[in-house]
C-alpha atoms as a PDB file:
ATOM      1  CA  GLN A   1     -21.077 140.574-148.332  1.00  0.00           C
ATOM      2  CA  VAL A   2     -17.410 140.656-148.400  1.00  0.00           C
ATOM      3  CA  GLN A   3     -15.836 141.251-144.862  1.00  0.00           C
ATOM      4  CA  LEU A   4     -12.145 141.496-143.675  1.00  0.00           C
ATOM      5  CA  VAL A   5     -11.608 141.910-140.084  1.00  0.00           C
ATOM      6  CA  GLU A   6      -8.313 142.228-138.821  1.00  0.00           C
ATOM      7  CA  SER A   7      -7.110 141.702-135.152  1.00  0.00           C
ATOM      8  CA  GLY A   8      -4.017 141.390-132.961  1.00  0.00           C
ATOM      9  CA  GLY A   9      -2.766 145.032-132.783  1.00  0.00           C
ATOM     10  CA  GLY A  10      -1.560 146.891-129.945  1.00  0.00           C
ATOM     11  CA  LEU A  11       1.406 148.554-128.065  1.00  0.00           C
ATOM     12  CA  VAL A  12       4.838 146.608-127.968  1.00  0.00           C
ATOM     13  CA  GLN A  13       7.923 147.522-127.169  1.00  0.00           C
ATOM     14  CA  ALA A  14      10.810 148.181-129.543  1.00  0.00           C
ATOM     15  CA  GLY A  15      12.219 144.518-130.536  1.00  0.00           C
ATOM     16  CA  GLY A  16       9.126 142.714-129.575  1.00  0.00           C
ATOM     17  CA  SER A  17       6.672 140.759-131.777  1.00  0.00           C
ATOM     18  CA  LEU A  18       3.094 141.091-132.731  1.00  0.00           C
ATOM     19  CA  ARG A  19       0.957 138.480-134.652  1.00  0.00           C
ATOM     20  CA  LEU A  20      -1.606 140.362-136.923  1.00  0.00           C
ATOM     21  CA  SER A  21      -4.655 137.966-138.178  1.00  0.00           C
ATOM     22  CA  CYS A  22      -7.248 139.072-140.893  1.00  0.00           C
ATOM     23  CA  ALA A  23     -10.777 136.793-141.040  1.00  0.00           C
ATOM     24  CA  ALA A  24     -12.239 136.790-144.259  1.00  0.00           C
ATOM     25  CA  SER A  25     -15.558 136.322-145.349  1.00  0.00           C
ATOM     26  CA  GLY A  26     -18.520 136.636-148.190  1.00  0.00           C
ATOM     27  CA  PHE A  27     -15.743 135.368-150.823  1.00  0.00           C
ATOM     28  CA  THR A  28     -13.912 132.552-152.307  1.00  0.00           C
ATOM     29  CA  PHE A  29     -10.784 133.022-150.097  1.00  0.00           C
ATOM     30  CA  ARG A  30      -8.659 130.416-151.692  1.00  0.00           C
ATOM     31  CA  ARG A  31      -8.973 132.078-154.846  1.00  0.00           C
ATOM     32  CA  TYR A  32      -7.788 135.626-153.928  1.00  0.00           C
ATOM     33  CA  THR A  33      -4.072 136.880-153.156  1.00  0.00           C
ATOM     34  CA  MET A  34      -4.141 138.420-149.610  1.00  0.00           C
ATOM     35  CA  GLY A  35      -1.715 141.393-148.875  1.00  0.00           C
ATOM     36  CA  TRP A  36      -1.126 143.556-145.927  1.00  0.00           C
ATOM     37  CA  PHE A  37      -0.658 147.151-145.963  1.00  0.00           C
ATOM     38  CA  ARG A  38       0.499 149.710-143.263  1.00  0.00           C
ATOM     39  CA  GLN A  39      -0.459 153.781-143.012  1.00  0.00           C
ATOM     40  CA  ALA A  40       1.673 155.812-140.769  1.00  0.00           C
ATOM     41  CA  PRO A  41       0.215 159.283-139.691  1.00  0.00           C
ATOM     42  CA  GLY A  42       0.742 161.530-142.435  1.00  0.00           C
ATOM     43  CA  LYS A  43       1.993 159.338-145.001  1.00  0.00           C
ATOM     44  CA  GLU A  44       0.443 157.217-147.704  1.00  0.00           C
ATOM     45  CA  ARG A  45      -0.950 153.513-147.469  1.00  0.00           C
ATOM     46  CA  GLU A  46       2.191 151.454-148.291  1.00  0.00           C
ATOM     47  CA  PHE A  47       2.527 147.601-149.302  1.00  0.00           C
ATOM     48  CA  VAL A  48       3.992 145.211-146.861  1.00  0.00           C
ATOM     49  CA  ALA A  49       3.757 141.834-148.040  1.00  0.00           C
ATOM     50  CA  LEU A  50       1.410 139.265-150.133  1.00  0.00           C
ATOM     51  CA  ASN A  51       0.652 135.825-150.268  1.00  0.00           C
ATOM     52  CA  SER A  52      -0.753 134.944-153.913  1.00  0.00           C
ATOM     53  CA  TRP A  53      -3.916 133.052-154.345  1.00  0.00           C
ATOM     54  CA  ASN A  54      -2.039 130.216-156.019  1.00  0.00           C
ATOM     55  CA  GLY A  55      -0.058 129.328-153.195  1.00  0.00           C
ATOM     56  CA  LEU A  56       3.397 129.774-155.019  1.00  0.00           C
ATOM     57  CA  ASN A  57       4.224 133.591-154.175  1.00  0.00           C
ATOM     58  CA  THR A  58       4.801 135.237-150.992  1.00  0.00           C
ATOM     59  CA  TYR A  59       6.263 138.792-151.775  1.00  0.00           C
ATOM     60  CA  TYR A  60       7.655 141.445-149.258  1.00  0.00           C
ATOM     61  CA  ALA A  61       8.222 145.153-150.052  1.00  0.00           C
ATOM     62  CA  GLU A  62      11.823 145.597-150.895  1.00  0.00           C
ATOM     63  CA  TYR A  63      11.539 149.232-149.789  1.00  0.00           C
ATOM     64  CA  VAL A  64      10.572 148.818-146.327  1.00  0.00           C
ATOM     65  CA  GLU A  65      13.803 148.164-144.535  1.00  0.00           C
ATOM     66  CA  SER A  66      14.139 144.700-143.609  1.00  0.00           C
ATOM     67  CA  VAL A  67      10.426 143.607-143.842  1.00  0.00           C
ATOM     68  CA  LYS A  68      11.254 140.667-145.384  1.00  0.00           C
ATOM     69  CA  GLY A  69      14.146 139.259-142.676  1.00  0.00           C
ATOM     70  CA  ARG A  70      11.655 140.323-139.871  1.00  0.00           C
ATOM     71  CA  PHE A  71       7.723 140.190-140.977  1.00  0.00           C
ATOM     72  CA  THR A  72       6.103 136.569-142.391  1.00  0.00           C
ATOM     73  CA  ILE A  73       2.804 136.372-144.092  1.00  0.00           C
ATOM     74  CA  SER A  74       1.097 133.111-143.959  1.00  0.00           C
ATOM     75  CA  ARG A  75      -2.410 131.927-144.874  1.00  0.00           C
ATOM     76  CA  ASP A  76      -4.921 129.296-143.692  1.00  0.00           C
ATOM     77  CA  ASN A  77      -7.551 128.527-146.459  1.00  0.00           C
ATOM     78  CA  ALA A  78      -9.239 126.148-144.467  1.00  0.00           C
ATOM     79  CA  LYS A  79      -9.809 128.943-141.937  1.00  0.00           C
ATOM     80  CA  ASN A  80     -10.027 131.986-144.445  1.00  0.00           C
ATOM     81  CA  THR A  81      -7.150 133.661-142.545  1.00  0.00           C
ATOM     82  CA  VAL A  82      -4.278 135.460-143.295  1.00  0.00           C
ATOM     83  CA  ASP A  83      -1.505 136.264-140.760  1.00  0.00           C
ATOM     84  CA  LEU A  84       1.343 138.685-140.556  1.00  0.00           C
ATOM     85  CA  GLN A  85       3.853 137.570-137.730  1.00  0.00           C
ATOM     86  CA  MET A  86       6.277 140.770-136.677  1.00  0.00           C
ATOM     87  CA  ASN A  87       9.501 140.626-135.140  1.00  0.00           C
ATOM     88  CA  SER A  88      12.090 142.669-134.144  1.00  0.00           C
ATOM     89  CA  LEU A  89       9.532 145.550-134.459  1.00  0.00           C
ATOM     90  CA  LYS A  90      10.872 149.098-134.752  1.00  0.00           C
ATOM     91  CA  PRO A  91       9.164 152.521-133.775  1.00  0.00           C
ATOM     92  CA  GLU A  92       9.112 153.079-137.269  1.00  0.00           C
ATOM     93  CA  ASP A  93       6.680 150.378-137.690  1.00  0.00           C
ATOM     94  CA  THR A  94       4.317 152.047-135.935  1.00  0.00           C
ATOM     95  CA  ALA A  95       1.187 152.270-138.554  1.00  0.00           C
ATOM     96  CA  VAL A  96      -2.366 151.158-139.069  1.00  0.00           C
ATOM     97  CA  TYR A  97      -2.242 147.942-140.495  1.00  0.00           C
ATOM     98  CA  TYR A  98      -4.678 146.659-143.139  1.00  0.00           C
ATOM     99  CA  CYS A  99      -5.378 143.585-144.862  1.00  0.00           C
ATOM    100  CA  ALA A 100      -6.720 143.425-148.284  1.00  0.00           C
ATOM    101  CA  ALA A 101      -7.860 140.864-150.867  1.00  0.00           C
ATOM    102  CA  SER A 102      -7.082 141.046-154.719  1.00  0.00           C
ATOM    103  CA  GLN A 103      -7.652 138.696-157.611  1.00  0.00           C
ATOM    104  CA  ARG A 104      -4.560 139.108-159.264  1.00  0.00           C
ATOM    105  CA  VAL A 105      -1.737 137.087-158.630  1.00  0.00           C
ATOM    106  CA  ALA A 106       1.308 139.779-157.454  1.00  0.00           C
ATOM    107  CA  ALA A 107      -0.692 142.609-156.395  1.00  0.00           C
ATOM    108  CA  THR A 108       1.654 145.337-154.492  1.00  0.00           C
ATOM    109  CA  THR A 109      -0.292 148.666-155.034  1.00  0.00           C
ATOM    110  CA  ARG A 110      -3.487 149.442-153.595  1.00  0.00           C
ATOM    111  CA  ASN A 111      -5.733 150.014-156.752  1.00  0.00           C
ATOM    112  CA  GLU A 112      -4.889 146.235-157.427  1.00  0.00           C
ATOM    113  CA  TYR A 113      -6.820 145.221-154.312  1.00  0.00           C
ATOM    114  CA  ASP A 114     -10.634 144.684-154.463  1.00  0.00           C
ATOM    115  CA  ALA A 115     -11.665 144.826-150.622  1.00  0.00           C
ATOM    116  CA  TRP A 116     -10.331 146.315-147.755  1.00  0.00           C
ATOM    117  CA  GLY A 117     -10.623 145.573-143.795  1.00  0.00           C
ATOM    118  CA  GLN A 118     -10.904 148.718-141.182  1.00  0.00           C
ATOM    119  CA  GLY A 119      -7.271 148.275-139.961  1.00  0.00           C
ATOM    120  CA  THR A 120      -5.558 147.509-136.405  1.00  0.00           C
ATOM    121  CA  GLN A 121      -3.290 149.909-134.969  1.00  0.00           C
ATOM    122  CA  VAL A 122       0.503 148.762-134.205  1.00  0.00           C
ATOM    123  CA  THR A 123       2.438 151.270-131.934  1.00  0.00           C
ATOM    124  CA  VAL A 124       5.960 150.578-131.185  1.00  0.00           C
ATOM    125  CA  PHE A 125       7.677 152.518-128.226  1.00  0.00           C
ATOM    126  CA  SER A 126      11.218 152.645-127.920  1.00  0.00           C
END
């Protein structure tokens, strides 16, 4: 069955870095756009970044301040993994981070994704 398993979350001081990883199984990974979302306490789950299945697009949420300059999404189709490198972390980046898979090229909303991981907690303290 389809399975997405995130890892790499943790507790980090502001200004630090974390690398999240998502291991996928049960589907043809290279044919799916992979995205990262996050959900802070009391808030809606929001899109962070995606890497499209056609290998041509990476896209970062423009409404998340400075994400594009601090976060980098990458995928390894040989290993069926998608990573999110997060640098210069801020307390407002604190959230549960989820990876997800979509058959759409540029999926930026929750309902465009077909499968989800269980999430990994990222906590940034000042």
